[in-house]
Amino acid sequence: MKEPSDQPNGKKAPAEPERNLRAQGQRTRNAIIEVAKGLLLEGGSLEFTLREVALRAGISISNLQYYFPTRLAVLRAVVEPVVEAYLGELRQALTAEASSRAMIDALVDRALEDAKNAERTALWWHFVSLAAIDPECSQLLDEWYEEVTPGIAKFIRAVDPACKPADSLHRATLLIAMADGLSFQLGAGRRKRSYTRGLDAKFRAAVDCILLGGMPRAADG
């Protein structure tokens, strides 16, 4: 007689030792990510090596590579949540029933929030510095931009139906570049400067100018 199963697909649940091992493995993986994040924030890209991550985590390199075979794999686990949070909002906005104008305003809010977040901007800066010299990091960066840029372009065409696809991609690229640049002005390690007061409003006005091709902002629809 077969033992009853509480799994919907009819498979038996993992035995207790197996579940414990899985839980321990997840804890180890999470601990490695936190150590790697701390190392990246503390020492930047020059000290971000598998050997140093393993040393800080108190494990062997072979044990580290069981979870993350390469430095890029560790780096991706550290930085990807930051990028995925924005991409997730973008994907949700593309399928939402709210107006395109409202969705763009929400994404602008997120861009401003990210630009002022010390940890997010520091992680992003360090990743970009690695992408400048590491082909795999550069490819990963390209993959992220390849998703973000057409998504923003789609919003632009919804707000400005007369905008051609090629032009919408150009405008999207300018908007993304401006948001990236804002993080260098307001992000991690930057001292407060008097002339940045009111910059949020200017950023929104510049977004509107690019978004609408220089036309006055239309009423929300």
N, C-alpha and C. Protein backbone atom coordinates (compact mmCIF):
# COMPACT_ATOMS: atom_id res chain seq x y z
N MET A 1 0.84 -1.20 0.00
CA MET A 1 0.00 0.00 0.00
C MET A 1 0.88 1.25 0.00
N LYS A 2 0.55 2.19 -0.87
CA LYS A 2 1.36 3.41 -0.97
C LYS A 2 1.02 4.37 0.17
N GLU A 3 2.07 5.07 0.62
CA GLU A 3 1.84 6.06 1.66
C GLU A 3 1.13 7.27 1.07
N PRO A 4 0.22 7.88 1.83
CA PRO A 4 -0.46 9.07 1.32
C PRO A 4 0.54 10.21 1.16
N SER A 5 0.26 11.05 0.19
CA SER A 5 1.14 12.19 -0.07
C SER A 5 0.37 13.48 0.10
N ASP A 6 1.06 14.49 0.70
CA ASP A 6 0.42 15.79 0.83
C ASP A 6 0.84 16.74 -0.28
N GLN A 7 1.53 16.22 -1.28
CA GLN A 7 1.95 17.03 -2.41
C GLN A 7 0.88 16.98 -3.51
N PRO A 8 0.53 18.13 -4.11
CA PRO A 8 -0.53 18.16 -5.13
C PRO A 8 -0.21 17.34 -6.36
N ASN A 9 1.06 17.13 -6.67
CA ASN A 9 1.40 16.37 -7.86
C ASN A 9 1.60 14.89 -7.56
N GLY A 10 1.30 14.49 -6.32
CA GLY A 10 1.39 13.09 -5.96
C GLY A 10 2.75 12.65 -5.47
N LYS A 11 3.76 13.55 -5.54
CA LYS A 11 5.09 13.19 -5.07
C LYS A 11 5.16 13.35 -3.55
N LYS A 12 5.95 12.51 -2.94
CA LYS A 12 6.11 12.58 -1.50
C LYS A 12 6.91 13.83 -1.14
N ALA A 13 6.57 14.42 -0.01
CA ALA A 13 7.33 15.57 0.46
C ALA A 13 8.74 15.13 0.83
N PRO A 14 9.75 16.01 0.68
CA PRO A 14 11.11 15.65 1.04
C PRO A 14 11.19 15.24 2.50
N ALA A 15 12.04 14.28 2.79
CA ALA A 15 12.23 13.85 4.16
C ALA A 15 12.79 15.00 4.98
N GLU A 16 12.63 14.93 6.30
CA GLU A 16 13.05 16.02 7.18
C GLU A 16 14.53 16.37 7.01
N PRO A 17 15.44 15.38 6.97
CA PRO A 17 16.86 15.75 6.77
C PRO A 17 17.08 16.50 5.46
N GLU A 18 16.36 16.10 4.40
CA GLU A 18 16.53 16.79 3.12
C GLU A 18 16.02 18.22 3.20
N ARG A 19 14.89 18.42 3.86
CA ARG A 19 14.36 19.77 4.02
C ARG A 19 15.33 20.64 4.82
N ASN A 20 15.91 20.04 5.86
CA ASN A 20 16.86 20.79 6.68
C ASN A 20 18.09 21.20 5.88
N LEU A 21 18.55 20.27 5.02
CA LEU A 21 19.71 20.57 4.19
C LEU A 21 19.39 21.69 3.21
N ARG A 22 18.19 21.66 2.64
CA ARG A 22 17.79 22.72 1.72
C ARG A 22 17.72 24.06 2.42
N ALA A 23 17.15 24.06 3.62
CA ALA A 23 17.05 25.29 4.39
C ALA A 23 18.43 25.83 4.75
N GLN A 24 19.32 24.91 5.14
CA GLN A 24 20.68 25.32 5.48
C GLN A 24 21.39 25.88 4.25
N GLY A 25 21.18 25.24 3.11
CA GLY A 25 21.79 25.73 1.88
C GLY A 25 21.31 27.12 1.52
N GLN A 26 20.01 27.38 1.71
CA GLN A 26 19.47 28.71 1.42
C GLN A 26 20.04 29.75 2.38
N ARG A 27 20.20 29.35 3.65
CA ARG A 27 20.79 30.27 4.62
C ARG A 27 22.24 30.59 4.25
N THR A 28 22.97 29.56 3.82
CA THR A 28 24.36 29.78 3.42
C THR A 28 24.42 30.70 2.21
N ARG A 29 23.54 30.45 1.24
CA ARG A 29 23.51 31.28 0.04
C ARG A 29 23.21 32.73 0.39
N ASN A 30 22.22 32.95 1.24
CA ASN A 30 21.86 34.31 1.64
C ASN A 30 22.99 34.99 2.40
N ALA A 31 23.69 34.20 3.24
CA ALA A 31 24.81 34.75 4.00
C ALA A 31 25.93 35.19 3.07
N ILE A 32 26.19 34.39 2.03
CA ILE A 32 27.22 34.74 1.05
C ILE A 32 26.86 36.05 0.34
N ILE A 33 25.60 36.19 -0.02
CA ILE A 33 25.16 37.40 -0.71
C ILE A 33 25.35 38.62 0.18
N GLU A 34 25.00 38.50 1.46
CA GLU A 34 25.16 39.63 2.37
C GLU A 34 26.63 39.99 2.56
N VAL A 35 27.48 38.98 2.68
CA VAL A 35 28.92 39.23 2.81
C VAL A 35 29.44 39.92 1.55
N ALA A 36 29.03 39.41 0.39
CA ALA A 36 29.49 39.99 -0.89
C ALA A 36 29.00 41.43 -1.03
N LYS A 37 27.77 41.68 -0.63
CA LYS A 37 27.25 43.06 -0.69
C LYS A 37 28.07 43.98 0.18
N GLY A 38 28.35 43.53 1.41
CA GLY A 38 29.17 44.34 2.31
C GLY A 38 30.55 44.61 1.76
N LEU A 39 31.15 43.59 1.15
CA LEU A 39 32.47 43.75 0.55
C LEU A 39 32.44 44.75 -0.59
N LEU A 40 31.42 44.66 -1.44
CA LEU A 40 31.32 45.57 -2.57
C LEU A 40 31.12 47.01 -2.10
N LEU A 41 30.27 47.20 -1.08
CA LEU A 41 30.02 48.54 -0.57
C LEU A 41 31.24 49.10 0.14
N GLU A 42 31.99 48.23 0.79
CA GLU A 42 33.15 48.67 1.57
C GLU A 42 34.38 48.91 0.71
N GLY A 43 34.67 47.97 -0.18
CA GLY A 43 35.93 48.03 -0.90
C GLY A 43 35.82 48.30 -2.38
N GLY A 44 34.60 48.26 -2.92
CA GLY A 44 34.43 48.51 -4.34
C GLY A 44 34.83 47.32 -5.20
N SER A 45 34.90 47.55 -6.49
CA SER A 45 35.10 46.47 -7.44
C SER A 45 36.50 45.86 -7.39
N LEU A 46 37.50 46.64 -6.94
CA LEU A 46 38.87 46.13 -6.94
C LEU A 46 39.07 44.99 -5.96
N GLU A 47 38.33 45.00 -4.86
CA GLU A 47 38.48 43.95 -3.86
C GLU A 47 37.44 42.85 -4.02
N PHE A 48 36.60 42.96 -5.02
CA PHE A 48 35.50 42.00 -5.17
C PHE A 48 35.99 40.78 -5.94
N THR A 49 36.55 39.82 -5.21
CA THR A 49 37.02 38.58 -5.80
C THR A 49 36.40 37.41 -5.07
N LEU A 50 36.37 36.25 -5.74
CA LEU A 50 35.83 35.05 -5.09
C LEU A 50 36.63 34.71 -3.84
N ARG A 51 37.94 34.87 -3.90
CA ARG A 51 38.78 34.55 -2.75
C ARG A 51 38.43 35.41 -1.55
N GLU A 52 38.23 36.71 -1.79
CA GLU A 52 37.92 37.61 -0.68
C GLU A 52 36.52 37.36 -0.14
N VAL A 53 35.56 37.08 -1.02
CA VAL A 53 34.20 36.77 -0.56
C VAL A 53 34.22 35.51 0.30
N ALA A 54 34.93 34.48 -0.16
CA ALA A 54 35.02 33.23 0.60
C ALA A 54 35.67 33.47 1.95
N LEU A 55 36.74 34.27 1.96
CA LEU A 55 37.44 34.57 3.21
C LEU A 55 36.52 35.28 4.19
N ARG A 56 35.80 36.28 3.71
CA ARG A 56 34.89 37.03 4.59
C ARG A 56 33.74 36.15 5.07
N ALA A 57 33.31 35.22 4.23
CA ALA A 57 32.18 34.35 4.59
C ALA A 57 32.62 33.18 5.47
N GLY A 58 33.94 32.97 5.58
CA GLY A 58 34.45 31.89 6.40
C GLY A 58 34.25 30.51 5.80
N ILE A 59 34.29 30.44 4.46
CA ILE A 59 34.13 29.16 3.78
C ILE A 59 35.23 29.01 2.74
N SER A 60 35.37 27.82 2.22
CA SER A 60 36.37 27.59 1.18
C SER A 60 35.86 28.11 -0.16
N ILE A 61 36.79 28.35 -1.08
CA ILE A 61 36.39 28.80 -2.41
C ILE A 61 35.54 27.73 -3.10
N SER A 62 35.90 26.46 -2.90
CA SER A 62 35.12 25.39 -3.53
C SER A 62 33.69 25.37 -3.00
N ASN A 63 33.52 25.64 -1.71
CA ASN A 63 32.17 25.70 -1.14
C ASN A 63 31.42 26.90 -1.70
N LEU A 64 32.12 28.04 -1.82
CA LEU A 64 31.50 29.23 -2.41
C LEU A 64 31.05 28.95 -3.84
N GLN A 65 31.90 28.27 -4.61
CA GLN A 65 31.59 28.02 -6.01
C GLN A 65 30.49 26.99 -6.20
N TYR A 66 30.17 26.25 -5.15
CA TYR A 66 29.01 25.36 -5.21
C TYR A 66 27.74 26.19 -5.38
N TYR A 67 27.71 27.35 -4.72
CA TYR A 67 26.54 28.24 -4.80
C TYR A 67 26.68 29.25 -5.94
N PHE A 68 27.89 29.77 -6.12
CA PHE A 68 28.13 30.79 -7.14
C PHE A 68 29.42 30.44 -7.87
N PRO A 69 29.32 29.84 -9.05
CA PRO A 69 30.51 29.35 -9.75
C PRO A 69 31.51 30.43 -10.15
N THR A 70 31.02 31.64 -10.40
CA THR A 70 31.90 32.71 -10.89
C THR A 70 31.67 34.00 -10.10
N ARG A 71 32.58 34.93 -10.27
CA ARG A 71 32.42 36.24 -9.63
C ARG A 71 31.17 36.94 -10.16
N LEU A 72 30.90 36.78 -11.45
CA LEU A 72 29.70 37.40 -12.02
C LEU A 72 28.44 36.86 -11.36
N ALA A 73 28.43 35.56 -11.05
CA ALA A 73 27.25 34.96 -10.42
C ALA A 73 27.01 35.59 -9.05
N VAL A 74 28.09 35.81 -8.29
CA VAL A 74 27.94 36.47 -6.98
C VAL A 74 27.47 37.90 -7.18
N LEU A 75 28.11 38.61 -8.09
CA LEU A 75 27.77 40.00 -8.33
C LEU A 75 26.32 40.15 -8.78
N ARG A 76 25.90 39.24 -9.64
CA ARG A 76 24.52 39.29 -10.12
C ARG A 76 23.53 39.10 -8.97
N ALA A 77 23.84 38.18 -8.06
CA ALA A 77 22.96 37.94 -6.92
C ALA A 77 22.87 39.16 -6.01
N VAL A 78 23.94 39.96 -5.97
CA VAL A 78 23.96 41.16 -5.13
C VAL A 78 23.20 42.31 -5.79
N VAL A 79 23.46 42.53 -7.08
CA VAL A 79 22.94 43.73 -7.76
C VAL A 79 21.56 43.50 -8.37
N GLU A 80 21.29 42.28 -8.80
CA GLU A 80 20.05 42.02 -9.54
C GLU A 80 18.78 42.42 -8.78
N PRO A 81 18.70 42.21 -7.44
CA PRO A 81 17.47 42.64 -6.75
C PRO A 81 17.19 44.12 -6.92
N VAL A 82 18.24 44.94 -6.97
CA VAL A 82 18.06 46.39 -7.16
C VAL A 82 17.45 46.65 -8.54
N VAL A 83 18.01 46.00 -9.56
CA VAL A 83 17.53 46.20 -10.92
C VAL A 83 16.15 45.58 -11.10
N GLU A 84 15.96 44.39 -10.56
CA GLU A 84 14.70 43.69 -10.73
C GLU A 84 13.54 44.42 -10.07
N ALA A 85 13.82 45.14 -8.99
CA ALA A 85 12.75 45.91 -8.34
C ALA A 85 12.19 46.94 -9.32
N TYR A 86 13.09 47.60 -10.05
CA TYR A 86 12.63 48.60 -11.04
C TYR A 86 11.99 47.91 -12.24
N LEU A 87 12.63 46.83 -12.73
CA LEU A 87 12.07 46.12 -13.88
C LEU A 87 10.70 45.56 -13.55
N GLY A 88 10.53 45.10 -12.31
CA GLY A 88 9.23 44.57 -11.90
C GLY A 88 8.15 45.64 -11.97
N GLU A 89 8.49 46.85 -11.51
CA GLU A 89 7.52 47.95 -11.60
C GLU A 89 7.23 48.31 -13.05
N LEU A 90 8.27 48.25 -13.88
CA LEU A 90 8.08 48.57 -15.30
C LEU A 90 7.16 47.54 -15.95
N ARG A 91 7.40 46.25 -15.68
CA ARG A 91 6.54 45.20 -16.26
C ARG A 91 5.10 45.35 -15.79
N GLN A 92 4.94 45.66 -14.51
CA GLN A 92 3.59 45.84 -13.98
C GLN A 92 2.91 47.05 -14.62
N ALA A 93 3.68 48.12 -14.79
CA ALA A 93 3.11 49.32 -15.39
C ALA A 93 2.68 49.08 -16.84
N LEU A 94 3.43 48.25 -17.56
CA LEU A 94 3.11 47.98 -18.96
C LEU A 94 1.81 47.21 -19.12
N THR A 95 1.39 46.51 -18.07
CA THR A 95 0.15 45.73 -18.14
C THR A 95 -0.99 46.35 -17.32
N ALA A 96 -0.70 47.47 -16.68
CA ALA A 96 -1.71 48.10 -15.82
C ALA A 96 -2.75 48.83 -16.65
N GLU A 97 -3.90 49.08 -16.03
CA GLU A 97 -4.99 49.78 -16.71
C GLU A 97 -4.95 51.28 -16.45
N ALA A 98 -4.06 51.73 -15.57
CA ALA A 98 -3.95 53.17 -15.31
C ALA A 98 -3.40 53.87 -16.55
N SER A 99 -3.52 55.19 -16.58
CA SER A 99 -3.06 55.95 -17.73
C SER A 99 -1.54 55.85 -17.85
N SER A 100 -1.06 55.94 -19.08
CA SER A 100 0.38 55.91 -19.31
C SER A 100 1.06 57.06 -18.59
N ARG A 101 0.41 58.20 -18.56
CA ARG A 101 0.96 59.37 -17.88
C ARG A 101 1.17 59.07 -16.39
N ALA A 102 0.17 58.45 -15.77
CA ALA A 102 0.29 58.13 -14.35
C ALA A 102 1.39 57.11 -14.10
N MET A 103 1.52 56.15 -15.01
CA MET A 103 2.55 55.14 -14.85
C MET A 103 3.95 55.75 -14.99
N ILE A 104 4.10 56.67 -15.92
CA ILE A 104 5.39 57.33 -16.09
C ILE A 104 5.73 58.16 -14.86
N ASP A 105 4.74 58.86 -14.32
CA ASP A 105 4.97 59.63 -13.09
C ASP A 105 5.44 58.72 -11.96
N ALA A 106 4.84 57.52 -11.88
CA ALA A 106 5.23 56.58 -10.83
C ALA A 106 6.67 56.11 -11.04
N LEU A 107 7.05 55.87 -12.28
CA LEU A 107 8.42 55.45 -12.57
C LEU A 107 9.42 56.57 -12.31
N VAL A 108 9.01 57.81 -12.56
CA VAL A 108 9.87 58.96 -12.26
C VAL A 108 10.06 59.06 -10.75
N ASP A 109 8.98 58.83 -9.99
CA ASP A 109 9.09 58.82 -8.54
C ASP A 109 10.11 57.78 -8.09
N ARG A 110 10.06 56.59 -8.71
CA ARG A 110 10.98 55.52 -8.34
C ARG A 110 12.42 55.91 -8.71
N ALA A 111 12.61 56.54 -9.85
CA ALA A 111 13.95 56.96 -10.26
C ALA A 111 14.54 57.95 -9.26
N LEU A 112 13.72 58.89 -8.81
CA LEU A 112 14.19 59.87 -7.82
C LEU A 112 14.51 59.20 -6.50
N GLU A 113 13.67 58.25 -6.11
CA GLU A 113 13.91 57.52 -4.86
C GLU A 113 15.22 56.74 -4.94
N ASP A 114 15.43 56.04 -6.05
CA ASP A 114 16.66 55.26 -6.22
C ASP A 114 17.89 56.16 -6.23
N ALA A 115 17.78 57.32 -6.87
CA ALA A 115 18.93 58.23 -6.98
C ALA A 115 19.38 58.74 -5.61
N LYS A 116 18.46 58.77 -4.65
CA LYS A 116 18.79 59.29 -3.32
C LYS A 116 19.10 58.18 -2.31
N ASN A 117 18.99 56.92 -2.74
CA ASN A 117 19.23 55.80 -1.84
C ASN A 117 20.72 55.45 -1.87
N ALA A 118 21.39 55.63 -0.74
CA ALA A 118 22.85 55.47 -0.70
C ALA A 118 23.29 54.06 -1.08
N GLU A 119 22.62 53.05 -0.55
CA GLU A 119 23.06 51.68 -0.82
C GLU A 119 22.81 51.29 -2.27
N ARG A 120 21.65 51.62 -2.80
CA ARG A 120 21.33 51.26 -4.18
C ARG A 120 22.29 51.93 -5.16
N THR A 121 22.54 53.23 -4.94
CA THR A 121 23.42 53.93 -5.88
C THR A 121 24.85 53.40 -5.78
N ALA A 122 25.32 53.10 -4.57
CA ALA A 122 26.68 52.58 -4.42
C ALA A 122 26.83 51.23 -5.12
N LEU A 123 25.85 50.35 -4.94
CA LEU A 123 25.90 49.05 -5.61
C LEU A 123 25.89 49.23 -7.13
N TRP A 124 25.08 50.15 -7.60
CA TRP A 124 24.98 50.38 -9.05
C TRP A 124 26.29 50.93 -9.60
N TRP A 125 26.89 51.89 -8.89
CA TRP A 125 28.15 52.47 -9.35
C TRP A 125 29.23 51.40 -9.45
N HIS A 126 29.34 50.57 -8.42
CA HIS A 126 30.38 49.54 -8.42
C HIS A 126 30.15 48.54 -9.54
N PHE A 127 28.88 48.21 -9.79
CA PHE A 127 28.60 47.27 -10.88
C PHE A 127 28.97 47.87 -12.22
N VAL A 128 28.63 49.13 -12.43
CA VAL A 128 28.95 49.79 -13.70
C VAL A 128 30.47 49.88 -13.88
N SER A 129 31.19 50.12 -12.79
CA SER A 129 32.65 50.19 -12.91
C SER A 129 33.23 48.84 -13.34
N LEU A 130 32.63 47.74 -12.87
CA LEU A 130 33.06 46.42 -13.30
C LEU A 130 32.67 46.17 -14.76
N ALA A 131 31.49 46.66 -15.13
CA ALA A 131 31.03 46.46 -16.51
C ALA A 131 31.95 47.13 -17.52
N ALA A 132 32.66 48.16 -17.07
CA ALA A 132 33.56 48.88 -17.97
C ALA A 132 34.79 48.04 -18.34
N ILE A 133 35.12 47.06 -17.51
CA ILE A 133 36.33 46.26 -17.76
C ILE A 133 36.06 44.77 -17.87
N ASP A 134 34.85 44.34 -17.51
CA ASP A 134 34.52 42.92 -17.51
C ASP A 134 33.45 42.65 -18.57
N PRO A 135 33.77 41.88 -19.62
CA PRO A 135 32.81 41.64 -20.71
C PRO A 135 31.50 41.00 -20.24
N GLU A 136 31.56 40.10 -19.25
CA GLU A 136 30.34 39.45 -18.79
C GLU A 136 29.43 40.44 -18.07
N CYS A 137 30.03 41.30 -17.24
CA CYS A 137 29.24 42.33 -16.57
C CYS A 137 28.65 43.31 -17.59
N SER A 138 29.45 43.63 -18.59
CA SER A 138 28.97 44.53 -19.64
C SER A 138 27.77 43.93 -20.37
N GLN A 139 27.83 42.63 -20.64
CA GLN A 139 26.72 41.97 -21.31
C GLN A 139 25.47 41.97 -20.44
N LEU A 140 25.65 41.74 -19.14
CA LEU A 140 24.51 41.75 -18.22
C LEU A 140 23.89 43.14 -18.16
N LEU A 141 24.73 44.16 -18.13
CA LEU A 141 24.22 45.53 -18.13
C LEU A 141 23.42 45.81 -19.39
N ASP A 142 23.94 45.34 -20.53
CA ASP A 142 23.23 45.52 -21.80
C ASP A 142 21.87 44.82 -21.77
N GLU A 143 21.82 43.63 -21.17
CA GLU A 143 20.55 42.90 -21.09
C GLU A 143 19.51 43.70 -20.32
N TRP A 144 19.92 44.32 -19.23
CA TRP A 144 18.98 45.11 -18.44
C TRP A 144 18.50 46.32 -19.22
N TYR A 145 19.42 47.02 -19.87
CA TYR A 145 19.02 48.19 -20.65
C TYR A 145 18.14 47.79 -21.84
N GLU A 146 18.39 46.60 -22.40
CA GLU A 146 17.59 46.13 -23.53
C GLU A 146 16.14 45.88 -23.13
N GLU A 147 15.89 45.66 -21.85
CA GLU A 147 14.50 45.51 -21.40
C GLU A 147 13.90 46.86 -21.00
N VAL A 148 14.67 47.66 -20.31
CA VAL A 148 14.15 48.94 -19.83
C VAL A 148 13.84 49.91 -20.98
N THR A 149 14.76 50.02 -21.93
CA THR A 149 14.61 51.04 -22.97
C THR A 149 13.36 50.86 -23.83
N PRO A 150 13.08 49.66 -24.37
CA PRO A 150 11.84 49.50 -25.14
C PRO A 150 10.59 49.70 -24.28
N GLY A 151 10.68 49.35 -22.98
CA GLY A 151 9.53 49.55 -22.11
C GLY A 151 9.19 51.02 -21.95
N ILE A 152 10.20 51.85 -21.69
CA ILE A 152 9.98 53.29 -21.58
C ILE A 152 9.52 53.85 -22.92
N ALA A 153 10.08 53.35 -24.01
CA ALA A 153 9.69 53.82 -25.35
C ALA A 153 8.21 53.55 -25.61
N LYS A 154 7.72 52.43 -25.12
CA LYS A 154 6.30 52.10 -25.30
C LYS A 154 5.42 53.12 -24.60
N PHE A 155 5.81 53.54 -23.38
CA PHE A 155 5.06 54.57 -22.68
C PHE A 155 5.08 55.89 -23.45
N ILE A 156 6.23 56.21 -23.99
CA ILE A 156 6.36 57.47 -24.73
C ILE A 156 5.40 57.50 -25.92
N ARG A 157 5.32 56.39 -26.64
CA ARG A 157 4.41 56.34 -27.80
C ARG A 157 2.95 56.40 -27.37
N ALA A 158 2.66 55.89 -26.15
CA ALA A 158 1.28 55.97 -25.65
C ALA A 158 0.92 57.40 -25.28
N VAL A 159 1.88 58.13 -24.71
CA VAL A 159 1.63 59.52 -24.33
C VAL A 159 1.66 60.43 -25.54
N ASP A 160 2.55 60.12 -26.49
CA ASP A 160 2.69 60.92 -27.72
C ASP A 160 2.54 59.99 -28.93
N PRO A 161 1.30 59.71 -29.34
CA PRO A 161 1.07 58.76 -30.44
C PRO A 161 1.75 59.13 -31.75
N ALA A 162 2.08 60.39 -31.92
CA ALA A 162 2.74 60.80 -33.16
C ALA A 162 4.22 60.45 -33.19
N CYS A 163 4.75 60.02 -32.06
CA CYS A 163 6.17 59.72 -31.96
C CYS A 163 6.49 58.41 -32.71
N LYS A 164 7.48 58.45 -33.57
CA LYS A 164 7.89 57.27 -34.32
C LYS A 164 8.67 56.32 -33.41
N PRO A 165 8.66 55.02 -33.71
CA PRO A 165 9.37 54.04 -32.87
C PRO A 165 10.83 54.39 -32.63
N ALA A 166 11.55 54.77 -33.69
CA ALA A 166 12.97 55.09 -33.53
C ALA A 166 13.16 56.30 -32.61
N ASP A 167 12.29 57.30 -32.78
CA ASP A 167 12.39 58.49 -31.94
C ASP A 167 12.06 58.16 -30.49
N SER A 168 11.07 57.28 -30.28
CA SER A 168 10.70 56.92 -28.92
C SER A 168 11.86 56.22 -28.21
N LEU A 169 12.62 55.42 -28.94
CA LEU A 169 13.79 54.75 -28.35
C LEU A 169 14.88 55.77 -28.02
N HIS A 170 15.04 56.78 -28.89
CA HIS A 170 16.01 57.82 -28.59
C HIS A 170 15.61 58.59 -27.34
N ARG A 171 14.34 58.95 -27.25
CA ARG A 171 13.86 59.68 -26.07
C ARG A 171 14.02 58.82 -24.82
N ALA A 172 13.69 57.53 -24.93
CA ALA A 172 13.82 56.62 -23.79
C ALA A 172 15.27 56.55 -23.32
N THR A 173 16.19 56.48 -24.28
CA THR A 173 17.61 56.42 -23.94
C THR A 173 18.05 57.68 -23.20
N LEU A 174 17.57 58.84 -23.65
CA LEU A 174 17.90 60.09 -22.98
C LEU A 174 17.32 60.14 -21.57
N LEU A 175 16.09 59.67 -21.39
CA LEU A 175 15.47 59.65 -20.07
C LEU A 175 16.26 58.76 -19.11
N ILE A 176 16.66 57.59 -19.60
CA ILE A 176 17.40 56.65 -18.76
C ILE A 176 18.77 57.23 -18.41
N ALA A 177 19.42 57.84 -19.39
CA ALA A 177 20.73 58.45 -19.14
C ALA A 177 20.61 59.57 -18.11
N MET A 178 19.53 60.32 -18.19
CA MET A 178 19.33 61.41 -17.24
C MET A 178 19.11 60.86 -15.83
N ALA A 179 18.34 59.80 -15.72
CA ALA A 179 18.10 59.18 -14.41
C ALA A 179 19.39 58.60 -13.85
N ASP A 180 20.18 57.95 -14.71
CA ASP A 180 21.47 57.42 -14.26
C ASP A 180 22.37 58.55 -13.77
N GLY A 181 22.40 59.64 -14.53
CA GLY A 181 23.24 60.77 -14.14
C GLY A 181 22.79 61.40 -12.84
N LEU A 182 21.49 61.40 -12.60
CA LEU A 182 20.97 61.98 -11.36
C LEU A 182 21.50 61.22 -10.15
N SER A 183 21.69 59.91 -10.28
CA SER A 183 22.21 59.13 -9.16
C SER A 183 23.62 59.56 -8.80
N PHE A 184 24.39 60.03 -9.79
CA PHE A 184 25.74 60.50 -9.51
C PHE A 184 25.72 61.87 -8.82
N GLN A 185 24.65 62.61 -9.00
CA GLN A 185 24.53 63.92 -8.36
C GLN A 185 23.97 63.83 -6.94
N LEU A 186 23.08 62.87 -6.73
CA LEU A 186 22.37 62.81 -5.45
C LEU A 186 22.68 61.57 -4.62
N GLY A 187 23.42 60.63 -5.20
CA GLY A 187 23.56 59.32 -4.58
C GLY A 187 24.61 59.21 -3.50
N ALA A 188 25.08 57.97 -3.30
CA ALA A 188 25.95 57.61 -2.19
C ALA A 188 27.20 58.48 -2.13
N GLY A 189 27.49 58.95 -0.92
CA GLY A 189 28.74 59.67 -0.70
C GLY A 189 28.72 61.12 -1.13
N ARG A 190 27.62 61.58 -1.74
CA ARG A 190 27.59 62.98 -2.19
C ARG A 190 27.14 63.88 -1.04
N ARG A 191 27.90 64.91 -0.80
CA ARG A 191 27.51 65.85 0.25
C ARG A 191 26.32 66.68 -0.22
N LYS A 192 25.57 67.17 0.74
CA LYS A 192 24.42 67.99 0.42
C LYS A 192 24.88 69.34 -0.09
N ARG A 193 24.32 69.77 -1.20
CA ARG A 193 24.67 71.06 -1.78
C ARG A 193 23.41 71.88 -1.97
N SER A 194 23.54 73.17 -1.73
CA SER A 194 22.36 74.03 -1.73
C SER A 194 21.68 74.05 -3.08
N TYR A 195 22.47 73.97 -4.16
CA TYR A 195 21.86 74.12 -5.48
C TYR A 195 21.07 72.90 -5.93
N THR A 196 21.10 71.80 -5.14
CA THR A 196 20.27 70.64 -5.51
C THR A 196 18.85 70.77 -4.98
N ARG A 197 18.60 71.80 -4.16
CA ARG A 197 17.23 72.00 -3.70
C ARG A 197 16.35 72.37 -4.89
N GLY A 198 15.21 71.74 -4.99
CA GLY A 198 14.31 71.98 -6.10
C GLY A 198 14.66 71.20 -7.36
N LEU A 199 15.68 70.34 -7.27
CA LEU A 199 16.11 69.60 -8.45
C LEU A 199 15.07 68.58 -8.90
N ASP A 200 14.31 68.06 -7.94
CA ASP A 200 13.27 67.08 -8.31
C ASP A 200 12.30 67.67 -9.32
N ALA A 201 11.87 68.90 -9.07
CA ALA A 201 10.90 69.54 -9.97
C ALA A 201 11.52 69.77 -11.34
N LYS A 202 12.78 70.17 -11.37
CA LYS A 202 13.45 70.39 -12.65
C LYS A 202 13.62 69.07 -13.41
N PHE A 203 13.89 68.01 -12.66
CA PHE A 203 14.01 66.69 -13.29
C PHE A 203 12.68 66.29 -13.93
N ARG A 204 11.59 66.49 -13.21
CA ARG A 204 10.27 66.16 -13.76
C ARG A 204 9.97 67.00 -15.00
N ALA A 205 10.33 68.28 -14.96
CA ALA A 205 10.09 69.15 -16.11
C ALA A 205 10.92 68.70 -17.31
N ALA A 206 12.17 68.28 -17.06
CA ALA A 206 13.02 67.81 -18.15
C ALA A 206 12.48 66.50 -18.72
N VAL A 207 11.96 65.63 -17.84
CA VAL A 207 11.34 64.39 -18.30
C VAL A 207 10.18 64.69 -19.22
N ASP A 208 9.34 65.64 -18.83
CA ASP A 208 8.20 66.02 -19.66
C ASP A 208 8.65 66.56 -21.01
N CYS A 209 9.70 67.35 -20.99
CA CYS A 209 10.20 67.95 -22.23
C CYS A 209 10.65 66.85 -23.20
N ILE A 210 11.39 65.88 -22.71
CA ILE A 210 11.85 64.78 -23.56
C ILE A 210 10.69 63.87 -23.93
N LEU A 211 9.85 63.60 -22.94
CA LEU A 211 8.72 62.68 -23.14
C LEU A 211 7.80 63.15 -24.25
N LEU A 212 7.54 64.44 -24.28
CA LEU A 212 6.58 65.00 -25.22
C LEU A 212 7.26 65.69 -26.40
N GLY A 213 8.55 65.49 -26.54
CA GLY A 213 9.25 66.10 -27.66
C GLY A 213 9.25 67.60 -27.63
N GLY A 214 9.24 68.19 -26.42
CA GLY A 214 9.29 69.63 -26.29
C GLY A 214 7.93 70.30 -26.24
N MET A 215 6.84 69.50 -26.39
CA MET A 215 5.50 70.09 -26.34
C MET A 215 5.07 70.27 -24.89
N PRO A 216 4.12 71.19 -24.61
CA PRO A 216 3.60 71.35 -23.26
C PRO A 216 2.96 70.07 -22.78
N ARG A 217 3.00 69.84 -21.48
CA ARG A 217 2.42 68.64 -20.91
C ARG A 217 0.92 68.64 -21.07
N ALA A 218 0.40 67.50 -21.55
CA ALA A 218 -1.05 67.36 -21.69
C ALA A 218 -1.66 66.98 -20.36
N ALA A 219 -2.96 67.20 -20.24
CA ALA A 219 -3.65 66.80 -19.01
C ALA A 219 -3.66 65.30 -18.89
N ASP A 220 -3.64 64.80 -17.64
CA ASP A 220 -3.67 63.35 -17.41
C ASP A 220 -4.94 62.76 -18.01
N GLY A 221 -4.78 61.61 -18.64
CA GLY A 221 -5.93 60.97 -19.24
C GLY A 221 -6.29 59.70 -18.57
